[in-house]
Amino acid sequence: MSGKTKVAYIGLAGVIAAAVITGVSLYLSNHNGKSNAVTATNNTVVNVAPASTPPTKPSFEPFEASVSNLPAGECAFVFSEPGILQEDELGCINAATTVYIYCTVESQMVGGSTVWDEISYRTDWGTTGYIPDAYVYTGSNNAVMPSCVS
C-alpha cells in the first residue's frame, strides 16, 4: 500500500512541477523585452502590432489641442492608420487630455468630419497615431496643420 502512496505523491509533484514550468514559460514569452503597441478596452490591455513604422521626429512645433466632444464616460480611440479598424487600435485617450497634432489627413468620416490628426502617442518620441479631428478641440472645423501626405 505504501508503494502506491509514493507513486501518488510523485505524480502530484510532477503535475505541480509541470504547472510551474508552464507558468514561467508563458510569463517569459509574454515579457520578452519587446515593446508592442497596446490598446485599452474597458481597462483591459491587449497587444496590437502597429500597422506601420512611425516616422522620424518632426523638426517643427506641433499644434497643441485637447480631446473633447466625447459622450460622457467615453474615450477617443487612437489608431495606427487613419480609419476605424479594431486591429489598428493603439489605445484610448480620455476627454480633456492634451494631444500634439503633427499633420492631418482626409479619411473616414467621424462626427461629420473627414479630417484625422496624426498625434504623438507612445513611441520613442511620442508614438504616431491617428485620432478623428471631431474629437479634438482645435478652435476650427478645418485642419490646423498641413497634410501628412507629401
N, C-alpha and C. Protein backbone atom coordinates (compact mmCIF):
# COMPACT_ATOMS: atom_id res chain seq x y z
N MET A 1 0.82 -1.19 0.00
CA MET A 1 0.00 0.00 0.00
C MET A 1 0.87 1.26 0.00
N SER A 2 2.01 1.24 0.72
CA SER A 2 2.85 2.44 0.76
C SER A 2 3.49 2.69 -0.60
N GLY A 3 3.72 1.68 -1.43
CA GLY A 3 4.26 1.87 -2.78
C GLY A 3 3.30 2.67 -3.64
N LYS A 4 2.01 2.41 -3.51
CA LYS A 4 1.02 3.17 -4.27
C LYS A 4 0.96 4.62 -3.80
N THR A 5 1.11 4.82 -2.51
CA THR A 5 1.08 6.17 -1.97
C THR A 5 2.26 6.99 -2.49
N LYS A 6 3.44 6.38 -2.58
CA LYS A 6 4.62 7.08 -3.10
C LYS A 6 4.40 7.47 -4.56
N VAL A 7 3.81 6.58 -5.33
CA VAL A 7 3.53 6.87 -6.74
C VAL A 7 2.57 8.06 -6.83
N ALA A 8 1.58 8.13 -5.97
CA ALA A 8 0.63 9.23 -5.98
C ALA A 8 1.34 10.55 -5.66
N TYR A 9 2.23 10.55 -4.68
CA TYR A 9 2.96 11.77 -4.35
C TYR A 9 3.90 12.19 -5.48
N ILE A 10 4.55 11.24 -6.11
CA ILE A 10 5.43 11.55 -7.23
C ILE A 10 4.61 12.13 -8.37
N GLY A 11 3.44 11.57 -8.62
CA GLY A 11 2.57 12.09 -9.67
C GLY A 11 2.11 13.51 -9.38
N LEU A 12 1.75 13.79 -8.15
CA LEU A 12 1.32 15.13 -7.75
C LEU A 12 2.48 16.12 -7.88
N ALA A 13 3.67 15.71 -7.46
CA ALA A 13 4.85 16.57 -7.58
C ALA A 13 5.14 16.86 -9.04
N GLY A 14 4.98 15.87 -9.91
CA GLY A 14 5.21 16.06 -11.35
C GLY A 14 4.22 17.05 -11.94
N VAL A 15 2.96 16.96 -11.53
CA VAL A 15 1.93 17.88 -12.01
C VAL A 15 2.25 19.31 -11.56
N ILE A 16 2.64 19.47 -10.32
CA ILE A 16 2.98 20.80 -9.79
C ILE A 16 4.19 21.37 -10.53
N ALA A 17 5.21 20.54 -10.74
CA ALA A 17 6.41 20.99 -11.45
C ALA A 17 6.07 21.40 -12.88
N ALA A 18 5.22 20.62 -13.55
CA ALA A 18 4.83 20.95 -14.93
C ALA A 18 4.05 22.27 -14.96
N ALA A 19 3.19 22.50 -13.97
CA ALA A 19 2.42 23.74 -13.92
C ALA A 19 3.34 24.94 -13.71
N VAL A 20 4.32 24.80 -12.85
CA VAL A 20 5.26 25.89 -12.58
C VAL A 20 6.08 26.19 -13.84
N ILE A 21 6.57 25.16 -14.50
CA ILE A 21 7.38 25.34 -15.72
C ILE A 21 6.54 26.01 -16.81
N THR A 22 5.30 25.57 -16.98
CA THR A 22 4.42 26.16 -17.98
C THR A 22 4.15 27.63 -17.67
N GLY A 23 3.88 27.94 -16.40
CA GLY A 23 3.62 29.33 -16.00
C GLY A 23 4.82 30.22 -16.26
N VAL A 24 6.00 29.75 -15.92
CA VAL A 24 7.22 30.52 -16.16
C VAL A 24 7.44 30.72 -17.66
N SER A 25 7.22 29.67 -18.44
CA SER A 25 7.38 29.78 -19.90
C SER A 25 6.42 30.80 -20.48
N LEU A 26 5.16 30.79 -20.06
CA LEU A 26 4.18 31.75 -20.56
C LEU A 26 4.56 33.16 -20.14
N TYR A 27 5.00 33.34 -18.91
CA TYR A 27 5.40 34.66 -18.45
C TYR A 27 6.55 35.19 -19.29
N LEU A 28 7.57 34.36 -19.50
CA LEU A 28 8.74 34.80 -20.26
C LEU A 28 8.39 35.08 -21.71
N SER A 29 7.49 34.30 -22.31
CA SER A 29 7.13 34.53 -23.70
C SER A 29 6.33 35.82 -23.86
N ASN A 30 5.60 36.25 -22.83
CA ASN A 30 4.84 37.49 -22.89
C ASN A 30 5.63 38.69 -22.40
N HIS A 31 6.78 38.48 -21.81
CA HIS A 31 7.62 39.56 -21.30
C HIS A 31 9.04 39.41 -21.85
N ASN A 32 9.13 39.41 -23.18
CA ASN A 32 10.41 39.16 -23.82
C ASN A 32 11.21 40.42 -24.09
N GLY A 33 10.83 41.55 -23.49
CA GLY A 33 11.61 42.77 -23.66
C GLY A 33 11.21 43.59 -24.86
N LYS A 34 10.31 43.10 -25.71
CA LYS A 34 9.88 43.86 -26.87
C LYS A 34 8.74 44.77 -26.45
N SER A 35 8.72 45.96 -27.03
CA SER A 35 7.67 46.91 -26.72
C SER A 35 6.65 46.91 -27.83
N ASN A 36 5.48 46.35 -27.58
CA ASN A 36 4.41 46.34 -28.56
C ASN A 36 3.43 47.45 -28.24
N ALA A 37 2.73 47.92 -29.27
CA ALA A 37 1.66 48.88 -29.04
C ALA A 37 0.53 48.15 -28.33
N VAL A 38 -0.24 48.87 -27.55
CA VAL A 38 -1.33 48.25 -26.82
C VAL A 38 -2.61 49.02 -27.04
N THR A 39 -3.71 48.37 -26.78
CA THR A 39 -5.00 49.03 -26.81
C THR A 39 -5.69 48.79 -25.48
N ALA A 40 -6.35 49.79 -24.98
CA ALA A 40 -7.07 49.66 -23.72
C ALA A 40 -8.57 49.64 -24.01
N THR A 41 -9.24 48.60 -23.59
CA THR A 41 -10.67 48.48 -23.76
C THR A 41 -11.26 48.07 -22.43
N ASN A 42 -12.08 48.93 -21.86
CA ASN A 42 -12.68 48.66 -20.56
C ASN A 42 -11.61 48.26 -19.54
N ASN A 43 -10.51 48.99 -19.51
CA ASN A 43 -9.41 48.77 -18.59
C ASN A 43 -8.68 47.45 -18.83
N THR A 44 -8.88 46.81 -19.97
CA THR A 44 -8.16 45.60 -20.33
C THR A 44 -7.14 45.97 -21.41
N VAL A 45 -5.91 45.55 -21.26
CA VAL A 45 -4.87 45.87 -22.23
C VAL A 45 -4.63 44.66 -23.12
N VAL A 46 -4.61 44.90 -24.44
CA VAL A 46 -4.41 43.84 -25.41
C VAL A 46 -3.28 44.28 -26.34
N ASN A 47 -2.33 43.39 -26.63
CA ASN A 47 -1.25 43.74 -27.53
C ASN A 47 -1.75 43.84 -28.96
N VAL A 48 -1.35 44.91 -29.66
CA VAL A 48 -1.70 45.11 -31.06
C VAL A 48 -0.44 45.60 -31.77
N ALA A 49 -0.02 44.89 -32.78
CA ALA A 49 1.16 45.32 -33.54
C ALA A 49 0.80 46.54 -34.38
N PRO A 50 1.65 47.56 -34.44
CA PRO A 50 1.34 48.73 -35.27
C PRO A 50 1.31 48.37 -36.74
N ALA A 51 0.46 49.08 -37.50
CA ALA A 51 0.32 48.79 -38.93
C ALA A 51 1.51 49.28 -39.73
N SER A 52 2.22 50.29 -39.23
CA SER A 52 3.38 50.81 -39.95
C SER A 52 4.39 51.36 -38.97
N THR A 53 5.61 51.54 -39.45
CA THR A 53 6.69 52.08 -38.63
C THR A 53 6.48 53.58 -38.44
N PRO A 54 6.65 54.10 -37.22
CA PRO A 54 6.48 55.54 -37.03
C PRO A 54 7.55 56.34 -37.76
N PRO A 55 7.19 57.53 -38.24
CA PRO A 55 8.19 58.36 -38.93
C PRO A 55 9.16 58.97 -37.93
N THR A 56 10.19 59.61 -38.45
CA THR A 56 11.15 60.27 -37.57
C THR A 56 10.52 61.50 -36.93
N LYS A 57 11.09 61.93 -35.83
CA LYS A 57 10.54 63.08 -35.10
C LYS A 57 10.58 64.33 -35.97
N PRO A 58 9.47 65.04 -36.05
CA PRO A 58 9.45 66.24 -36.89
C PRO A 58 10.30 67.36 -36.29
N SER A 59 10.75 68.26 -37.15
CA SER A 59 11.61 69.35 -36.71
C SER A 59 10.82 70.62 -36.39
N PHE A 60 9.48 70.58 -36.50
CA PHE A 60 8.65 71.75 -36.25
C PHE A 60 7.83 71.55 -34.98
N GLU A 61 7.23 72.63 -34.52
CA GLU A 61 6.41 72.60 -33.31
C GLU A 61 5.00 72.10 -33.66
N PRO A 62 4.52 71.05 -32.98
CA PRO A 62 3.17 70.56 -33.24
C PRO A 62 2.11 71.50 -32.67
N PHE A 63 0.87 71.32 -33.13
CA PHE A 63 -0.27 72.11 -32.63
C PHE A 63 -0.82 71.44 -31.39
N GLU A 64 -0.94 72.17 -30.30
CA GLU A 64 -1.43 71.62 -29.04
C GLU A 64 -2.95 71.79 -28.97
N ALA A 65 -3.65 70.70 -28.66
CA ALA A 65 -5.12 70.74 -28.58
C ALA A 65 -5.58 69.79 -27.48
N SER A 66 -6.87 69.82 -27.21
CA SER A 66 -7.43 68.99 -26.15
C SER A 66 -8.49 68.05 -26.70
N VAL A 67 -8.51 66.82 -26.21
CA VAL A 67 -9.54 65.85 -26.61
C VAL A 67 -10.85 66.30 -25.99
N SER A 68 -11.90 66.34 -26.80
CA SER A 68 -13.21 66.79 -26.32
C SER A 68 -14.30 66.20 -27.20
N ASN A 69 -15.52 66.68 -27.02
CA ASN A 69 -16.65 66.29 -27.84
C ASN A 69 -16.92 64.79 -27.80
N LEU A 70 -16.73 64.20 -26.63
CA LEU A 70 -16.96 62.76 -26.45
C LEU A 70 -18.22 62.54 -25.62
N PRO A 71 -18.94 61.45 -25.88
CA PRO A 71 -20.05 61.12 -24.99
C PRO A 71 -19.53 60.88 -23.57
N ALA A 72 -20.35 61.16 -22.57
CA ALA A 72 -19.95 61.01 -21.17
C ALA A 72 -19.39 59.62 -20.91
N GLY A 73 -18.23 59.56 -20.27
CA GLY A 73 -17.62 58.29 -19.91
C GLY A 73 -16.88 57.59 -21.04
N GLU A 74 -16.87 58.16 -22.23
CA GLU A 74 -16.20 57.55 -23.37
C GLU A 74 -14.79 58.13 -23.53
N CYS A 75 -13.95 57.43 -24.30
CA CYS A 75 -12.63 57.94 -24.64
C CYS A 75 -12.50 57.92 -26.16
N ALA A 76 -11.51 58.62 -26.66
CA ALA A 76 -11.26 58.67 -28.10
C ALA A 76 -10.18 57.65 -28.45
N PHE A 77 -10.50 56.72 -29.31
CA PHE A 77 -9.53 55.71 -29.72
C PHE A 77 -8.48 56.32 -30.63
N VAL A 78 -7.25 55.85 -30.49
CA VAL A 78 -6.12 56.24 -31.33
C VAL A 78 -5.81 55.03 -32.20
N PHE A 79 -5.60 55.27 -33.49
CA PHE A 79 -5.37 54.18 -34.44
C PHE A 79 -4.01 54.33 -35.11
N SER A 80 -3.43 53.21 -35.53
CA SER A 80 -2.13 53.25 -36.22
C SER A 80 -2.28 53.75 -37.65
N GLU A 81 -3.49 53.71 -38.18
CA GLU A 81 -3.82 54.21 -39.52
C GLU A 81 -5.04 55.11 -39.39
N PRO A 82 -5.25 56.07 -40.30
CA PRO A 82 -6.40 56.97 -40.19
C PRO A 82 -7.70 56.31 -40.66
N GLY A 83 -8.29 55.51 -39.84
CA GLY A 83 -9.54 54.84 -40.12
C GLY A 83 -9.92 53.97 -38.94
N ILE A 84 -11.20 53.67 -38.83
CA ILE A 84 -11.67 52.91 -37.67
C ILE A 84 -11.66 51.42 -38.00
N LEU A 85 -10.57 50.77 -37.64
CA LEU A 85 -10.43 49.32 -37.73
C LEU A 85 -9.92 48.84 -36.38
N GLN A 86 -10.64 47.91 -35.77
CA GLN A 86 -10.28 47.46 -34.43
C GLN A 86 -8.84 46.94 -34.37
N GLU A 87 -8.36 46.28 -35.43
CA GLU A 87 -7.00 45.75 -35.39
C GLU A 87 -5.94 46.85 -35.43
N ASP A 88 -6.34 48.08 -35.76
CA ASP A 88 -5.40 49.20 -35.78
C ASP A 88 -5.45 50.05 -34.50
N GLU A 89 -6.27 49.67 -33.52
CA GLU A 89 -6.37 50.43 -32.28
C GLU A 89 -5.06 50.36 -31.49
N LEU A 90 -4.55 51.53 -31.11
CA LEU A 90 -3.35 51.60 -30.28
C LEU A 90 -3.70 51.84 -28.82
N GLY A 91 -4.77 52.56 -28.59
CA GLY A 91 -5.17 52.88 -27.23
C GLY A 91 -6.31 53.87 -27.24
N CYS A 92 -6.56 54.46 -26.11
CA CYS A 92 -7.71 55.34 -25.94
C CYS A 92 -7.30 56.53 -25.08
N ILE A 93 -7.76 57.73 -25.46
CA ILE A 93 -7.40 58.95 -24.74
C ILE A 93 -8.67 59.54 -24.13
N ASN A 94 -8.61 59.88 -22.86
CA ASN A 94 -9.75 60.46 -22.16
C ASN A 94 -9.95 61.92 -22.53
N ALA A 95 -11.19 62.40 -22.31
CA ALA A 95 -11.52 63.81 -22.56
C ALA A 95 -10.62 64.70 -21.72
N ALA A 96 -10.35 65.90 -22.24
CA ALA A 96 -9.53 66.93 -21.60
C ALA A 96 -8.04 66.60 -21.59
N THR A 97 -7.63 65.53 -22.26
CA THR A 97 -6.21 65.19 -22.37
C THR A 97 -5.60 66.01 -23.51
N THR A 98 -4.43 66.58 -23.28
CA THR A 98 -3.75 67.36 -24.30
C THR A 98 -3.07 66.42 -25.29
N VAL A 99 -3.25 66.72 -26.60
CA VAL A 99 -2.57 65.97 -27.66
C VAL A 99 -1.79 66.97 -28.51
N TYR A 100 -0.81 66.48 -29.25
CA TYR A 100 0.02 67.32 -30.10
C TYR A 100 -0.15 66.84 -31.54
N ILE A 101 -0.73 67.71 -32.38
CA ILE A 101 -1.03 67.37 -33.77
C ILE A 101 0.18 67.72 -34.63
N TYR A 102 0.66 66.73 -35.40
CA TYR A 102 1.82 66.94 -36.28
C TYR A 102 1.41 67.23 -37.71
N CYS A 103 0.34 66.58 -38.17
CA CYS A 103 -0.18 66.81 -39.50
C CYS A 103 -1.57 66.21 -39.58
N THR A 104 -2.26 66.41 -40.72
CA THR A 104 -3.62 65.91 -40.87
C THR A 104 -3.77 65.14 -42.17
N VAL A 105 -4.77 64.28 -42.21
CA VAL A 105 -5.11 63.54 -43.43
C VAL A 105 -6.63 63.50 -43.56
N GLU A 106 -7.09 63.30 -44.79
CA GLU A 106 -8.51 63.09 -45.06
C GLU A 106 -8.73 61.59 -45.09
N SER A 107 -9.76 61.13 -44.37
CA SER A 107 -10.04 59.70 -44.33
C SER A 107 -11.51 59.49 -43.98
N GLN A 108 -11.78 58.42 -43.29
CA GLN A 108 -13.13 58.02 -42.93
C GLN A 108 -13.85 59.11 -42.12
N MET A 109 -15.12 59.37 -42.44
CA MET A 109 -15.88 60.40 -41.73
C MET A 109 -16.25 59.94 -40.33
N VAL A 110 -15.97 60.80 -39.36
CA VAL A 110 -16.34 60.58 -37.96
C VAL A 110 -16.88 61.90 -37.43
N GLY A 111 -18.05 61.88 -36.85
CA GLY A 111 -18.63 63.08 -36.26
C GLY A 111 -18.80 64.22 -37.24
N GLY A 112 -19.06 63.92 -38.50
CA GLY A 112 -19.28 64.94 -39.52
C GLY A 112 -18.01 65.51 -40.13
N SER A 113 -16.86 64.94 -39.80
CA SER A 113 -15.59 65.43 -40.35
C SER A 113 -14.77 64.27 -40.92
N THR A 114 -14.09 64.54 -42.03
CA THR A 114 -13.20 63.53 -42.62
C THR A 114 -11.73 63.81 -42.27
N VAL A 115 -11.49 64.83 -41.43
CA VAL A 115 -10.11 65.17 -41.03
C VAL A 115 -9.69 64.26 -39.88
N TRP A 116 -8.50 63.70 -40.01
CA TRP A 116 -7.87 62.91 -38.95
C TRP A 116 -6.55 63.58 -38.61
N ASP A 117 -6.23 63.61 -37.32
CA ASP A 117 -4.99 64.24 -36.85
C ASP A 117 -3.96 63.18 -36.51
N GLU A 118 -2.74 63.36 -37.04
CA GLU A 118 -1.63 62.50 -36.62
C GLU A 118 -1.08 63.12 -35.34
N ILE A 119 -1.06 62.34 -34.28
CA ILE A 119 -0.62 62.85 -32.98
C ILE A 119 0.55 62.03 -32.45
N SER A 120 1.22 62.59 -31.46
CA SER A 120 2.26 61.81 -30.79
C SER A 120 1.57 60.91 -29.79
N TYR A 121 1.85 59.62 -29.87
CA TYR A 121 1.21 58.66 -28.97
C TYR A 121 2.07 57.43 -28.82
N ARG A 122 2.79 57.30 -27.74
CA ARG A 122 3.56 56.12 -27.34
C ARG A 122 4.58 55.57 -28.34
N THR A 123 5.55 56.31 -28.74
CA THR A 123 6.71 55.77 -29.46
C THR A 123 7.94 56.34 -28.79
N ASP A 124 9.09 56.13 -29.38
CA ASP A 124 10.33 56.66 -28.83
C ASP A 124 10.22 58.17 -28.62
N TRP A 125 9.63 58.87 -29.57
CA TRP A 125 9.49 60.32 -29.44
C TRP A 125 8.06 60.71 -29.14
N GLY A 126 7.20 59.76 -28.90
CA GLY A 126 5.84 60.07 -28.54
C GLY A 126 4.83 59.17 -29.22
N THR A 127 5.11 58.40 -30.14
CA THR A 127 4.32 57.48 -30.97
C THR A 127 3.39 58.19 -31.92
N THR A 128 3.36 57.67 -33.07
CA THR A 128 2.47 58.18 -34.08
C THR A 128 1.17 57.41 -34.03
N GLY A 129 0.09 58.15 -33.97
CA GLY A 129 -1.23 57.56 -34.02
C GLY A 129 -2.16 58.56 -34.66
N TYR A 130 -3.33 58.10 -35.04
CA TYR A 130 -4.31 58.97 -35.67
C TYR A 130 -5.58 58.98 -34.83
N ILE A 131 -6.16 60.17 -34.70
CA ILE A 131 -7.39 60.36 -33.95
C ILE A 131 -8.33 61.22 -34.81
N PRO A 132 -9.62 60.89 -34.83
CA PRO A 132 -10.53 61.74 -35.60
C PRO A 132 -10.52 63.17 -35.07
N ASP A 133 -10.41 64.14 -35.98
CA ASP A 133 -10.37 65.54 -35.59
C ASP A 133 -11.66 65.97 -34.90
N ALA A 134 -12.74 65.26 -35.14
CA ALA A 134 -14.01 65.57 -34.49
C ALA A 134 -13.91 65.46 -32.97
N TYR A 135 -12.92 64.70 -32.47
CA TYR A 135 -12.73 64.52 -31.03
C TYR A 135 -11.62 65.38 -30.46
N VAL A 136 -11.11 66.31 -31.25
CA VAL A 136 -10.02 67.18 -30.79
C VAL A 136 -10.46 68.63 -30.95
N TYR A 137 -10.42 69.39 -29.86
CA TYR A 137 -10.80 70.79 -29.93
C TYR A 137 -9.61 71.63 -30.38
N THR A 138 -9.72 72.14 -31.62
CA THR A 138 -8.64 72.96 -32.18
C THR A 138 -9.07 74.41 -32.35
N GLY A 139 -10.37 74.69 -32.15
CA GLY A 139 -10.88 76.04 -32.37
C GLY A 139 -11.29 76.28 -33.81
N SER A 140 -11.22 75.23 -34.65
CA SER A 140 -11.56 75.36 -36.06
C SER A 140 -12.20 74.06 -36.55
N ASN A 141 -13.07 74.18 -37.54
CA ASN A 141 -13.64 72.99 -38.18
C ASN A 141 -12.76 72.50 -39.32
N ASN A 142 -11.69 73.21 -39.60
CA ASN A 142 -10.76 72.84 -40.66
C ASN A 142 -9.47 72.29 -40.06
N ALA A 143 -8.65 71.71 -40.92
CA ALA A 143 -7.35 71.20 -40.48
C ALA A 143 -6.49 72.36 -39.98
N VAL A 144 -5.80 72.16 -38.86
CA VAL A 144 -4.96 73.23 -38.30
C VAL A 144 -3.47 73.01 -38.59
N MET A 145 -3.13 71.87 -39.18
CA MET A 145 -1.76 71.57 -39.55
C MET A 145 -1.75 71.11 -41.01
N PRO A 146 -0.59 71.17 -41.68
CA PRO A 146 -0.53 70.74 -43.08
C PRO A 146 -0.82 69.26 -43.23
N SER A 147 -1.01 68.86 -44.46
CA SER A 147 -1.29 67.46 -44.79
C SER A 147 -0.10 66.57 -44.49
N CYS A 148 -0.38 65.35 -44.04
CA CYS A 148 0.67 64.35 -43.81
C CYS A 148 1.18 63.79 -45.13
N VAL A 149 0.36 63.93 -46.18
CA VAL A 149 0.70 63.40 -47.50
C VAL A 149 1.57 64.41 -48.22
N SER A 150 2.76 63.98 -48.62
CA SER A 150 3.70 64.90 -49.28
C SER A 150 3.30 65.18 -50.70
